[in-house]
Amino acid sequence: MYLWKDKCIPDWLYYILPFSAIKTDLSLLLECLKFQMKCPDLQKQALLTIHSICEKREDNVDLLREMGGVAFVYNLSKSSIVHPDVKETALFTLGTLAEANVYCKNSLCKNEIFADLADCLMNEDIQLKQKRLSVYLLLVLVANNKLGQTLAQNSGCLDVLLNLFRATFPISTEATFRAANATQTYQLWTSVSSALCGCVNNPQNEEGQRICVAAFPVIKIWLQQLTFPQTEIFQPICTFIAMTVANNSCVQESFSACGGLETLALTLGRLASAADTSLLSCQLSVIISKTLSACITDNSSLASGLAQYGVVLHLFSLLASPHLDPEDRLPILLSLGYCTEASEKHQSQLIWCGGLPIIITLLTEDSSEEVRRAATFILQTCKKASTGALMSSHILPLEGASKQLEANSQRFKPLFPVRYTKPSEIKCIEELQHTDMKNVIKAPVPYSRCVACVLPFEEVTSHTFESLQSSCHQSCDRHKVLREATKHFRMHHCRLVFEKEHQDPAEAERYSTAEPQQTCKNWTGPSEGEGKVINKNTLPEHRWRKHNGVTLVPLQRRAKKTTFASHNRTDIEMGGRSGHHNNLQKIGLDHSSTKRKRKDFSCEEVGYLLSGVKTYGFSWNLILWSYPFQPGRTNVDLAKKYRRLMKRKAQDASRADS
């Protein structure tokens, strides 16, 4: 009987006591509650001991319920002759019992109990602490309980909670509580917010969400009044918004219609601008980004509307903040994914602010599988914008976004080493933005288009680039430079080959004297009107060094003899129309002497290749950059090697089956 009174047994000991001993203690504690009505301190101690025995122990709660202890504690909580401290302790104990045992929770889900809780919350004479404990019991009864949510709506508890949510807001001018009760008022307000979240979600209750729409206008005003960052205020508000709008497009539209979504976006912009210097601003920005994500999930129209507020720019600056916790990257990436999936404007803004390199870095370096999936999703949504639409359009950033871009470029430090360059068009436009934004708006940037700019990315390759450019009468600056560089490289390469072959003077003289006879043996001679054979000695120096933009390399004796014989037969069959000049061009373009040496794949490289395919799929460039392959390896080499490995594996399997 006096075990609980003298507190000679610690709480943890009730986890190892035998079943009969626990049953005896619970029976004695109930007897104490019944016969010590004039001693509130003893009753309070008995209730706290019951709480210690039954906390997180479902079997002990079943024992107490079978003895009628749960019903007796509830009657004690609403008795008019019981001391207020005993009532508060009884409410707290009931919440613990219902939280530990689902059968106990269902036994308390009755209309009269919810009606009593509603009356208690509406009674102004009841102390704040008792109201807070009543809200706690209500929260336990509705959490993960569809029946409890329905009873809260039918009994009017949900409406009472909404009224308390408005009236007890800590910085509200309508609060009727004195400053002396500020702490208890705040605790009651946070408890009411949690209870409202339990009434509308987990499981989702669309009717409860519709009722809670009435609180959106006042929440908008609260967000506008919060000029100073306060985590203890932002967290309950944002949690309530997220739970109320989750997976409900009608409620999402209602929140946007009352101006709540716009206020959230502006608040995010204000806090994200200071996220790189303030840890508190960074944490609050993460909370708001989670709320925005819930507001635009599966609602592309609302997500598209956020483009005018530069939400992607703010999320990217938040992602680059040094104060950001690695665990908070995922909600930010999810918000970015919802935005870029819904609108091309969001995709363009992400590319403009240089967001793709850090997304790629997260894809390859982050240890979280969820983060890598979110990064992959963002890259897939931005694929079109990064390959075509952005580079060929005259998109200008949002009004005022140039300052944000400049600030991002100065303070952004990648999470991991990243190397990237911006296209020349973007550099040109950024320089114009920094010099005079107004002049840019009045006079658009001149931009010439060519075939390589218009055609899809996959149709312009190294094999088709020169022919496409030669057929186009106009070239843009970027491709003109690329064409000149290609031409310069080809001429330099041919010159190196020529000097290598003629580094011995005696050998060069032998080639110059013997070349007419060699060509007569291997080629068909020129037509009668042409006179003599054209070679290095018969042409002037300025003609044999460059002929039609290609340096002519003298023929090597015995090099690909079969090939030359086939050319000879073809020329004879065509009547010699191909001529000597065409054969010279074929020989001049032969780069067989500079062919790469074959390098067999080592066992380590094969392991790298298989591991890369398992991790990144068939992204050969990504695999090539991620593993230490031998110098000279290309993405084509990896693709061919993997195809041969799979073919050999299939052959081995077929042999094993046969």
Foldseek 3Di string as FASTA:
>chain_A
DCCLVVVPDDLVVLVVDDPVVLLVLLVVLVVCCVPPQVPLVSVLSSLVSLLSNQQLPQVSLVSCVVVVNLVVLVCQLPDPSHDPSSNLSSLQSLLRSVLNYVVSLVVCLDLVNLLVLLVQLPDPVDDLSSNLSSLSSLLSSLALDPSSLVSCVVSVVLVSLLVLLVQLQLPDPNNPDDPVCSVSSLSSNLSSLSSLLSNAPNPHDLVSLVVCLVCLLVLLVVLVPCPDQDCSNLQSSLSSLLSSQAPPLVSLVSNVVSPNLVSLLVLLVVLLVCLQPDLSSLVSNLSSLLSNLRSQVVPLVVLQVSLLSVSLLSLQSSLQHPSDDPVSLLSSLSSLLSNLQRDVSSLLSCVLLVNLQLLVCCLQPPPDPSSNVSSVSNCVSNVCVVFADVVPDQDDHHVPCLVSSVVCVVPGDRPDDTDDDDDPVSVVVNVVCVPDVVVCVVPPDDWDDAPCRPDGPVVCDPVCPVVRVVVTPDDTPVVVVVVVVVLVVQLVVLVVVQCVQCVDVVSVVVCVVCVQVVCVVLAPAFDPVVPGDDDDVVDDPVPQCAPPSFHFHRDDPPDPSVVSNVVRVVCVVVVNPCGDVVVRVVRRPDPVVVDDDDDDFDPVNVVLLVVCCVSPNLPLVVSPVPDDGDPPDDSVNSVVVVVVVVVVVVVVVVVVVD
